[in-house]
Amino acid sequence: MAMTRKFFLLTEVLPMIPSRMELIPAFVDSAIEIANDRRAELLEELLGGPGGGSLEPLLIALKIGRGDKPVVAKEVLYVAEDILERMRRRSADAAPQA
């Protein structure tokens, strides 16, 4: 699926997240793909708006990934670091082999 389409779907799903927590894993997986396609800034903008609070660890992971050092609760940081590690693994897996 094209990244633009995935991003559009995330914008549609985001308002549902607070009442449909089971959507979070799929949302995060799609967001990781988008971030690894060099579109993390779009995700940060989306997650910084209404409805993004339920996905704070994802937003923090994106910020850490670009070099920021946000001050957040340890629990949020722990989950954010896990998401960031998943992003790095997927990025490495997707890199062309020499």
PDB file of N, CA and C in Angstrom:
ATOM      1  N   MET A   1       0.856  -1.176   0.000  1.00  0.00           N
ATOM      2  CA  MET A   1       0.000   0.000   0.000  1.00  0.00           C
ATOM      3  C   MET A   1       0.901   1.238   0.000  1.00  0.00           C
ATOM      4  N   ALA A   2       0.569   2.198  -0.806  1.00  0.00           N
ATOM      5  CA  ALA A   2       1.369   3.416  -0.899  1.00  0.00           C
ATOM      6  C   ALA A   2       1.372   4.134   0.446  1.00  0.00           C
ATOM      7  N   MET A   3       2.514   4.779   0.744  1.00  0.00           N
ATOM      8  CA  MET A   3       2.653   5.469   2.026  1.00  0.00           C
ATOM      9  C   MET A   3       1.617   6.572   2.201  1.00  0.00           C
ATOM     10  N   THR A   4       1.264   7.261   1.128  1.00  0.00           N
ATOM     11  CA  THR A   4       0.263   8.320   1.231  1.00  0.00           C
ATOM     12  C   THR A   4      -1.073   7.734   1.675  1.00  0.00           C
ATOM     13  N   ARG A   5      -1.424   6.610   1.135  1.00  0.00           N
ATOM     14  CA  ARG A   5      -2.676   5.938   1.507  1.00  0.00           C
ATOM     15  C   ARG A   5      -2.628   5.495   2.970  1.00  0.00           C
ATOM     16  N   LYS A   6      -1.488   4.931   3.378  1.00  0.00           N
ATOM     17  CA  LYS A   6      -1.355   4.511   4.775  1.00  0.00           C
ATOM     18  C   LYS A   6      -1.489   5.702   5.711  1.00  0.00           C
ATOM     19  N   PHE A   7      -0.859   6.809   5.348  1.00  0.00           N
ATOM     20  CA  PHE A   7      -0.945   7.991   6.199  1.00  0.00           C
ATOM     21  C   PHE A   7      -2.393   8.465   6.292  1.00  0.00           C
ATOM     22  N   PHE A   8      -3.089   8.472   5.174  1.00  0.00           N
ATOM     23  CA  PHE A   8      -4.498   8.872   5.177  1.00  0.00           C
ATOM     24  C   PHE A   8      -5.309   7.967   6.101  1.00  0.00           C
ATOM     25  N   LEU A   9      -5.065   6.669   6.034  1.00  0.00           N
ATOM     26  CA  LEU A   9      -5.783   5.734   6.905  1.00  0.00           C
ATOM     27  C   LEU A   9      -5.482   6.007   8.379  1.00  0.00           C
ATOM     28  N   LEU A  10      -4.241   6.351   8.682  1.00  0.00           N
ATOM     29  CA  LEU A  10      -3.905   6.674  10.069  1.00  0.00           C
ATOM     30  C   LEU A  10      -4.659   7.910  10.544  1.00  0.00           C
ATOM     31  N   THR A  11      -4.815   8.897   9.662  1.00  0.00           N
ATOM     32  CA  THR A  11      -5.570  10.092  10.059  1.00  0.00           C
ATOM     33  C   THR A  11      -7.029   9.744  10.334  1.00  0.00           C
ATOM     34  N   GLU A  12      -7.545   8.758   9.626  1.00  0.00           N
ATOM     35  CA  GLU A  12      -8.926   8.327   9.832  1.00  0.00           C
ATOM     36  C   GLU A  12      -9.080   7.504  11.116  1.00  0.00           C
ATOM     37  N   VAL A  13      -8.079   6.709  11.431  1.00  0.00           N
ATOM     38  CA  VAL A  13      -8.151   5.811  12.582  1.00  0.00           C
ATOM     39  C   VAL A  13      -7.833   6.533  13.892  1.00  0.00           C
ATOM     40  N   LEU A  14      -6.976   7.532  13.858  1.00  0.00           N
ATOM     41  CA  LEU A  14      -6.514   8.193  15.082  1.00  0.00           C
ATOM     42  C   LEU A  14      -7.641   8.609  16.026  1.00  0.00           C
ATOM     43  N   PRO A  15      -8.718   9.229  15.544  1.00  0.00           N
ATOM     44  CA  PRO A  15      -9.783   9.617  16.481  1.00  0.00           C
ATOM     45  C   PRO A  15     -10.460   8.434  17.178  1.00  0.00           C
ATOM     46  N   MET A  16     -10.337   7.236  16.611  1.00  0.00           N
ATOM     47  CA  MET A  16     -10.957   6.050  17.202  1.00  0.00           C
ATOM     48  C   MET A  16     -10.116   5.428  18.311  1.00  0.00           C
ATOM     49  N   ILE A  17      -8.833   5.752  18.346  1.00  0.00           N
ATOM     50  CA  ILE A  17      -7.897   5.084  19.251  1.00  0.00           C
ATOM     51  C   ILE A  17      -8.333   5.130  20.720  1.00  0.00           C
ATOM     52  N   PRO A  18      -8.745   6.282  21.268  1.00  0.00           N
ATOM     53  CA  PRO A  18      -9.092   6.284  22.697  1.00  0.00           C
ATOM     54  C   PRO A  18     -10.184   5.286  23.083  1.00  0.00           C
ATOM     55  N   SER A  19     -11.100   5.005  22.195  1.00  0.00           N
ATOM     56  CA  SER A  19     -12.167   4.055  22.514  1.00  0.00           C
ATOM     57  C   SER A  19     -11.934   2.671  21.907  1.00  0.00           C
ATOM     58  N   ARG A  20     -10.893   2.534  21.113  1.00  0.00           N
ATOM     59  CA  ARG A  20     -10.591   1.254  20.452  1.00  0.00           C
ATOM     60  C   ARG A  20      -9.101   0.949  20.597  1.00  0.00           C
ATOM     61  N   MET A  21      -8.664   0.739  21.821  1.00  0.00           N
ATOM     62  CA  MET A  21      -7.245   0.542  22.114  1.00  0.00           C
ATOM     63  C   MET A  21      -6.641  -0.642  21.354  1.00  0.00           C
ATOM     64  N   GLU A  22      -7.472  -1.579  20.926  1.00  0.00           N
ATOM     65  CA  GLU A  22      -6.952  -2.732  20.190  1.00  0.00           C
ATOM     66  C   GLU A  22      -6.381  -2.333  18.832  1.00  0.00           C
ATOM     67  N   LEU A  23      -6.664  -1.109  18.386  1.00  0.00           N
ATOM     68  CA  LEU A  23      -6.129  -0.621  17.112  1.00  0.00           C
ATOM     69  C   LEU A  23      -4.687  -0.132  17.226  1.00  0.00           C
ATOM     70  N   ILE A  24      -4.212   0.075  18.457  1.00  0.00           N
ATOM     71  CA  ILE A  24      -2.884   0.664  18.648  1.00  0.00           C
ATOM     72  C   ILE A  24      -1.767  -0.154  17.997  1.00  0.00           C
ATOM     73  N   PRO A  25      -1.677  -1.481  18.173  1.00  0.00           N
ATOM     74  CA  PRO A  25      -0.566  -2.211  17.546  1.00  0.00           C
ATOM     75  C   PRO A  25      -0.501  -2.038  16.024  1.00  0.00           C
ATOM     76  N   ALA A  26      -1.631  -2.132  15.349  1.00  0.00           N
ATOM     77  CA  ALA A  26      -1.640  -1.952  13.890  1.00  0.00           C
ATOM     78  C   ALA A  26      -1.292  -0.519  13.519  1.00  0.00           C
ATOM     79  N   PHE A  27      -1.775   0.449  14.307  1.00  0.00           N
ATOM     80  CA  PHE A  27      -1.463   1.856  14.058  1.00  0.00           C
ATOM     81  C   PHE A  27       0.044   2.071  14.169  1.00  0.00           C
ATOM     82  N   VAL A  28       0.643   1.543  15.239  1.00  0.00           N
ATOM     83  CA  VAL A  28       2.085   1.716  15.449  1.00  0.00           C
ATOM     84  C   VAL A  28       2.870   1.039  14.331  1.00  0.00           C
ATOM     85  N   ASP A  29       2.472  -0.159  13.922  1.00  0.00           N
ATOM     86  CA  ASP A  29       3.165  -0.846  12.825  1.00  0.00           C
ATOM     87  C   ASP A  29       3.143  -0.015  11.547  1.00  0.00           C
ATOM     88  N   SER A  30       1.993   0.530  11.206  1.00  0.00           N
ATOM     89  CA  SER A  30       1.892   1.368  10.004  1.00  0.00           C
ATOM     90  C   SER A  30       2.706   2.645  10.165  1.00  0.00           C
ATOM     91  N   ALA A  31       2.679   3.222  11.359  1.00  0.00           N
ATOM     92  CA  ALA A  31       3.439   4.448  11.611  1.00  0.00           C
ATOM     93  C   ALA A  31       4.938   4.200  11.471  1.00  0.00           C
ATOM     94  N   ILE A  32       5.404   3.044  11.915  1.00  0.00           N
ATOM     95  CA  ILE A  32       6.823   2.708  11.774  1.00  0.00           C
ATOM     96  C   ILE A  32       7.202   2.654  10.301  1.00  0.00           C
ATOM     97  N   GLU A  33       6.370   2.039   9.483  1.00  0.00           N
ATOM     98  CA  GLU A  33       6.644   1.988   8.040  1.00  0.00           C
ATOM     99  C   GLU A  33       6.726   3.390   7.452  1.00  0.00           C
ATOM    100  N   ILE A  34       5.807   4.242   7.838  1.00  0.00           N
ATOM    101  CA  ILE A  34       5.789   5.612   7.325  1.00  0.00           C
ATOM    102  C   ILE A  34       7.021   6.372   7.796  1.00  0.00           C
ATOM    103  N   ALA A  35       7.366   6.235   9.070  1.00  0.00           N
ATOM    104  CA  ALA A  35       8.544   6.925   9.605  1.00  0.00           C
ATOM    105  C   ALA A  35       9.811   6.457   8.903  1.00  0.00           C
ATOM    106  N   ASN A  36       9.907   5.172   8.627  1.00  0.00           N
ATOM    107  CA  ASN A  36      11.086   4.646   7.945  1.00  0.00           C
ATOM    108  C   ASN A  36      11.123   5.038   6.475  1.00  0.00           C
ATOM    109  N   ASP A  37      10.026   5.560   5.976  1.00  0.00           N
ATOM    110  CA  ASP A  37       9.977   6.059   4.598  1.00  0.00           C
ATOM    111  C   ASP A  37      10.246   7.575   4.580  1.00  0.00           C
ATOM    112  N   ARG A  38      10.912   8.048   5.623  1.00  0.00           N
ATOM    113  CA  ARG A  38      11.324   9.456   5.758  1.00  0.00           C
ATOM    114  C   ARG A  38      10.141  10.421   5.838  1.00  0.00           C
ATOM    115  N   ARG A  39       9.098   9.984   6.504  1.00  0.00           N
ATOM    116  CA  ARG A  39       7.931  10.855   6.673  1.00  0.00           C
ATOM    117  C   ARG A  39       7.566  11.025   8.148  1.00  0.00           C
ATOM    118  N   ALA A  40       8.568  10.931   9.007  1.00  0.00           N
ATOM    119  CA  ALA A  40       8.328  11.034  10.448  1.00  0.00           C
ATOM    120  C   ALA A  40       7.729  12.380  10.827  1.00  0.00           C
ATOM    121  N   GLU A  41       8.109  13.432  10.113  1.00  0.00           N
ATOM    122  CA  GLU A  41       7.590  14.764  10.464  1.00  0.00           C
ATOM    123  C   GLU A  41       6.075  14.841  10.276  1.00  0.00           C
ATOM    124  N   LEU A  42       5.548  14.140   9.285  1.00  0.00           N
ATOM    125  CA  LEU A  42       4.091  14.095   9.103  1.00  0.00           C
ATOM    126  C   LEU A  42       3.415  13.397  10.280  1.00  0.00           C
ATOM    127  N   LEU A  43       4.032  12.327  10.737  1.00  0.00           N
ATOM    128  CA  LEU A  43       3.477  11.606  11.879  1.00  0.00           C
ATOM    129  C   LEU A  43       3.517  12.455  13.140  1.00  0.00           C
ATOM    130  N   GLU A  44       4.628  13.172  13.337  1.00  0.00           N
ATOM    131  CA  GLU A  44       4.734  14.034  14.518  1.00  0.00           C
ATOM    132  C   GLU A  44       3.628  15.084  14.514  1.00  0.00           C
ATOM    133  N   GLU A  45       3.380  15.651  13.358  1.00  0.00           N
ATOM    134  CA  GLU A  45       2.315  16.650  13.245  1.00  0.00           C
ATOM    135  C   GLU A  45       0.954  16.022  13.556  1.00  0.00           C
ATOM    136  N   LEU A  46       0.711  14.850  13.011  1.00  0.00           N
ATOM    137  CA  LEU A  46      -0.552  14.153  13.249  1.00  0.00           C
ATOM    138  C   LEU A  46      -0.719  13.812  14.730  1.00  0.00           C
ATOM    139  N   LEU A  47       0.315  13.257  15.335  1.00  0.00           N
ATOM    140  CA  LEU A  47       0.233  12.818  16.725  1.00  0.00           C
ATOM    141  C   LEU A  47       0.221  13.980  17.707  1.00  0.00           C
ATOM    142  N   GLY A  48       0.698  15.133  17.282  1.00  0.00           N
ATOM    143  CA  GLY A  48       0.684  16.309  18.139  1.00  0.00           C
ATOM    144  C   GLY A  48      -0.677  16.972  18.213  1.00  0.00           C
ATOM    145  N   GLY A  49      -1.584  16.551  17.360  1.00  0.00           N
ATOM    146  CA  GLY A  49      -2.924  17.137  17.321  1.00  0.00           C
ATOM    147  C   GLY A  49      -3.900  16.366  18.191  1.00  0.00           C
ATOM    148  N   PRO A  50      -5.182  16.665  18.015  1.00  0.00           N
ATOM    149  CA  PRO A  50      -6.221  15.983  18.798  1.00  0.00           C
ATOM    150  C   PRO A  50      -6.190  14.472  18.577  1.00  0.00           C
ATOM    151  N   GLY A  51      -6.318  13.742  19.646  1.00  0.00           N
ATOM    152  CA  GLY A  51      -6.350  12.285  19.558  1.00  0.00           C
ATOM    153  C   GLY A  51      -5.000  11.622  19.686  1.00  0.00           C
ATOM    154  N   GLY A  52      -3.934  12.381  19.619  1.00  0.00           N
ATOM    155  CA  GLY A  52      -2.598  11.789  19.668  1.00  0.00           C
ATOM    156  C   GLY A  52      -2.124  11.400  21.051  1.00  0.00           C
ATOM    157  N   GLY A  53      -2.819  11.846  22.083  1.00  0.00           N
ATOM    158  CA  GLY A  53      -2.388  11.576  23.451  1.00  0.00           C
ATOM    159  C   GLY A  53      -2.274  10.105  23.791  1.00  0.00           C
ATOM    160  N   SER A  54      -3.123   9.285  23.214  1.00  0.00           N
ATOM    161  CA  SER A  54      -3.083   7.844  23.481  1.00  0.00           C
ATOM    162  C   SER A  54      -1.850   7.193  22.878  1.00  0.00           C
ATOM    163  N   LEU A  55      -1.199   7.904  21.988  1.00  0.00           N
ATOM    164  CA  LEU A  55      -0.024   7.364  21.304  1.00  0.00           C
ATOM    165  C   LEU A  55       1.235   8.148  21.663  1.00  0.00           C
ATOM    166  N   GLU A  56       1.270   8.693  22.873  1.00  0.00           N
ATOM    167  CA  GLU A  56       2.427   9.488  23.288  1.00  0.00           C
ATOM    168  C   GLU A  56       3.753   8.740  23.128  1.00  0.00           C
ATOM    169  N   PRO A  57       3.854   7.453  23.481  1.00  0.00           N
ATOM    170  CA  PRO A  57       5.139   6.774  23.288  1.00  0.00           C
ATOM    171  C   PRO A  57       5.618   6.782  21.833  1.00  0.00           C
ATOM    172  N   LEU A  58       4.706   6.674  20.889  1.00  0.00           N
ATOM    173  CA  LEU A  58       5.078   6.735  19.476  1.00  0.00           C
ATOM    174  C   LEU A  58       5.621   8.113  19.133  1.00  0.00           C
ATOM    175  N   LEU A  59       4.954   9.157  19.585  1.00  0.00           N
ATOM    176  CA  LEU A  59       5.422  10.523  19.344  1.00  0.00           C
ATOM    177  C   LEU A  59       6.797  10.733  19.967  1.00  0.00           C
ATOM    178  N   ILE A  60       7.000  10.250  21.173  1.00  0.00           N
ATOM    179  CA  ILE A  60       8.293  10.393  21.845  1.00  0.00           C
ATOM    180  C   ILE A  60       9.368   9.614  21.089  1.00  0.00           C
ATOM    181  N   ALA A  61       9.044   8.432  20.589  1.00  0.00           N
ATOM    182  CA  ALA A  61      10.007   7.652  19.795  1.00  0.00           C
ATOM    183  C   ALA A  61      10.443   8.427  18.560  1.00  0.00           C
ATOM    184  N   LEU A  62       9.511   9.075  17.896  1.00  0.00           N
ATOM    185  CA  LEU A  62       9.848   9.867  16.711  1.00  0.00           C
ATOM    186  C   LEU A  62      10.761  11.032  17.084  1.00  0.00           C
ATOM    187  N   LYS A  63      10.475  11.670  18.205  1.00  0.00           N
ATOM    188  CA  LYS A  63      11.304  12.797  18.648  1.00  0.00           C
ATOM    189  C   LYS A  63      12.714  12.337  19.018  1.00  0.00           C
ATOM    190  N   ILE A  64      12.820  11.223  19.720  1.00  0.00           N
ATOM    191  CA  ILE A  64      14.138  10.681  20.061  1.00  0.00           C
ATOM    192  C   ILE A  64      14.883  10.309  18.785  1.00  0.00           C
ATOM    193  N   GLY A  65      14.169   9.742  17.828  1.00  0.00           N
ATOM    194  CA  GLY A  65      14.775   9.345  16.562  1.00  0.00           C
ATOM    195  C   GLY A  65      15.398  10.498  15.801  1.00  0.00           C
ATOM    196  N   ARG A  66      14.879  11.701  15.993  1.00  0.00           N
ATOM    197  CA  ARG A  66      15.472  12.853  15.304  1.00  0.00           C
ATOM    198  C   ARG A  66      16.473  13.600  16.179  1.00  0.00           C
ATOM    199  N   GLY A  67      16.744  13.045  17.371  1.00  0.00           N
ATOM    200  CA  GLY A  67      17.790  13.610  18.207  1.00  0.00           C
ATOM    201  C   GLY A  67      17.332  14.411  19.406  1.00  0.00           C
ATOM    202  N   ASP A  68      16.040  14.581  19.575  1.00  0.00           N
ATOM    203  CA  ASP A  68      15.537  15.302  20.750  1.00  0.00           C
ATOM    204  C   ASP A  68      15.693  14.432  21.996  1.00  0.00           C
ATOM    205  N   LYS A  69      15.653  15.083  23.141  1.00  0.00           N
ATOM    206  CA  LYS A  69      15.698  14.378  24.419  1.00  0.00           C
ATOM    207  C   LYS A  69      14.509  14.831  25.267  1.00  0.00           C
ATOM    208  N   PRO A  70      13.307  14.381  24.908  1.00  0.00           N
ATOM    209  CA  PRO A  70      12.115  14.827  25.632  1.00  0.00           C
ATOM    210  C   PRO A  70      12.103  14.325  27.079  1.00  0.00           C
ATOM    211  N   VAL A  71      11.561  15.138  27.947  1.00  0.00           N
ATOM    212  CA  VAL A  71      11.416  14.768  29.355  1.00  0.00           C
ATOM    213  C   VAL A  71       9.999  14.226  29.545  1.00  0.00           C
ATOM    214  N   VAL A  72       9.925  12.933  29.809  1.00  0.00           N
ATOM    215  CA  VAL A  72       8.627  12.260  29.974  1.00  0.00           C
ATOM    216  C   VAL A  72       8.738  11.243  31.104  1.00  0.00           C
ATOM    217  N   ALA A  73       7.612  10.701  31.495  1.00  0.00           N
ATOM    218  CA  ALA A  73       7.588   9.655  32.518  1.00  0.00           C
ATOM    219  C   ALA A  73       8.411   8.448  32.063  1.00  0.00           C
ATOM    220  N   LYS A  74       9.016   7.758  33.036  1.00  0.00           N
ATOM    221  CA  LYS A  74       9.851   6.597  32.716  1.00  0.00           C
ATOM    222  C   LYS A  74       9.095   5.547  31.915  1.00  0.00           C
ATOM    223  N   GLU A  75       7.841   5.357  32.246  1.00  0.00           N
ATOM    224  CA  GLU A  75       7.047   4.341  31.559  1.00  0.00           C
ATOM    225  C   GLU A  75       6.869   4.685  30.084  1.00  0.00           C
ATOM    226  N   VAL A  76       6.619   5.960  29.811  1.00  0.00           N
ATOM    227  CA  VAL A  76       6.461   6.418  28.426  1.00  0.00           C
ATOM    228  C   VAL A  76       7.784   6.261  27.689  1.00  0.00           C
ATOM    229  N   LEU A  77       8.880   6.640  28.341  1.00  0.00           N
ATOM    230  CA  LEU A  77      10.202   6.528  27.726  1.00  0.00           C
ATOM    231  C   LEU A  77      10.542   5.071  27.424  1.00  0.00           C
ATOM    232  N   TYR A  78      10.202   4.177  28.328  1.00  0.00           N
ATOM    233  CA  TYR A  78      10.472   2.755  28.127  1.00  0.00           C
ATOM    234  C   TYR A  78       9.764   2.232  26.877  1.00  0.00           C
ATOM    235  N   VAL A  79       8.497   2.549  26.734  1.00  0.00           N
ATOM    236  CA  VAL A  79       7.732   2.109  25.560  1.00  0.00           C
ATOM    237  C   VAL A  79       8.265   2.792  24.305  1.00  0.00           C
ATOM    238  N   ALA A  80       8.603   4.079  24.401  1.00  0.00           N
ATOM    239  CA  ALA A  80       9.143   4.820  23.253  1.00  0.00           C
ATOM    240  C   ALA A  80      10.449   4.199  22.773  1.00  0.00           C
ATOM    241  N   GLU A  81      11.306   3.810  23.697  1.00  0.00           N
ATOM    242  CA  GLU A  81      12.578   3.186  23.311  1.00  0.00           C
ATOM    243  C   GLU A  81      12.343   1.848  22.622  1.00  0.00           C
ATOM    244  N   ASP A  82      11.340   1.102  23.064  1.00  0.00           N
ATOM    245  CA  ASP A  82      10.986  -0.156  22.411  1.00  0.00           C
ATOM    246  C   ASP A  82      10.507   0.100  20.980  1.00  0.00           C
ATOM    247  N   ILE A  83       9.670   1.103  20.804  1.00  0.00           N
ATOM    248  CA  ILE A  83       9.178   1.454  19.463  1.00  0.00           C
ATOM    249  C   ILE A  83      10.342   1.890  18.584  1.00  0.00           C
ATOM    250  N   LEU A  84      11.241   2.700  19.134  1.00  0.00           N
ATOM    251  CA  LEU A  84      12.396   3.171  18.371  1.00  0.00           C
ATOM    252  C   LEU A  84      13.277   2.004  17.938  1.00  0.00           C
ATOM    253  N   GLU A  85      13.459   1.034  18.808  1.00  0.00           N
ATOM    254  CA  GLU A  85      14.238  -0.150  18.456  1.00  0.00           C
ATOM    255  C   GLU A  85      13.558  -0.918  17.324  1.00  0.00           C
ATOM    256  N   ARG A  86      12.250  -1.049  17.376  1.00  0.00           N
ATOM    257  CA  ARG A  86      11.517  -1.709  16.284  1.00  0.00           C
ATOM    258  C   ARG A  86      11.699  -0.944  14.978  1.00  0.00           C
ATOM    259  N   MET A  87      11.672   0.386  15.055  1.00  0.00           N
ATOM    260  CA  MET A  87      11.868   1.206  13.860  1.00  0.00           C
ATOM    261  C   MET A  87      13.250   0.954  13.273  1.00  0.00           C
ATOM    262  N   ARG A  88      14.252   0.921  14.123  1.00  0.00           N
ATOM    263  CA  ARG A  88      15.632   0.711  13.651  1.00  0.00           C
ATOM    264  C   ARG A  88      15.804  -0.675  13.043  1.00  0.00           C
ATOM    265  N   ARG A  89      15.212  -1.689  13.686  1.00  0.00           N
ATOM    266  CA  ARG A  89      15.305  -3.051  13.139  1.00  0.00           C
ATOM    267  C   ARG A  89      14.653  -3.137  11.769  1.00  0.00           C
ATOM    268  N   ARG A  90      13.470  -2.574  11.641  1.00  0.00           N
ATOM    269  CA  ARG A  90      12.769  -2.624  10.345  1.00  0.00           C
ATOM    270  C   ARG A  90      13.522  -1.842   9.284  1.00  0.00           C
ATOM    271  N   SER A  91      14.102  -0.728   9.677  1.00  0.00           N
ATOM    272  CA  SER A  91      14.872   0.072   8.727  1.00  0.00           C
ATOM    273  C   SER A  91      16.088  -0.715   8.244  1.00  0.00           C
ATOM    274  N   ALA A  92      16.761  -1.397   9.172  1.00  0.00           N
ATOM    275  CA  ALA A  92      17.924  -2.203   8.807  1.00  0.00           C
ATOM    276  C   ALA A  92      17.514  -3.380   7.928  1.00  0.00           C
ATOM    277  N   ASP A  93      16.378  -3.995   8.234  1.00  0.00           N
ATOM    278  CA  ASP A  93      15.890  -5.124   7.432  1.00  0.00           C
ATOM    279  C   ASP A  93      15.526  -4.689   6.017  1.00  0.00           C
ATOM    280  N   ALA A  94      15.051  -3.453   5.882  1.00  0.00           N
ATOM    281  CA  ALA A  94      14.615  -2.952   4.579  1.00  0.00           C
ATOM    282  C   ALA A  94      15.763  -2.391   3.752  1.00  0.00           C
ATOM    283  N   ALA A  95      16.914  -2.157   4.388  1.00  0.00           N
ATOM    284  CA  ALA A  95      18.050  -1.569   3.669  1.00  0.00           C
ATOM    285  C   ALA A  95      18.561  -2.552   2.623  1.00  0.00           C
ATOM    286  N   PRO A  96      18.948  -2.029   1.449  1.00  0.00           N
ATOM    287  CA  PRO A  96      19.489  -2.906   0.411  1.00  0.00           C
ATOM    288  C   PRO A  96      20.784  -3.561   0.891  1.00  0.00           C
ATOM    289  N   GLN A  97      20.920  -4.823   0.606  1.00  0.00           N
ATOM    290  CA  GLN A  97      22.122  -5.555   0.996  1.00  0.00           C
ATOM    291  C   GLN A  97      23.228  -5.314  -0.020  1.00  0.00           C
ATOM    292  N   ALA A  98      24.441  -5.102   0.483  1.00  0.00           N
ATOM    293  CA  ALA A  98      25.587  -4.835  -0.407  1.00  0.00           C
ATOM    294  C   ALA A  98      26.188  -6.109  -0.911  1.00  0.00           C
TER     295      ALA A  98
END
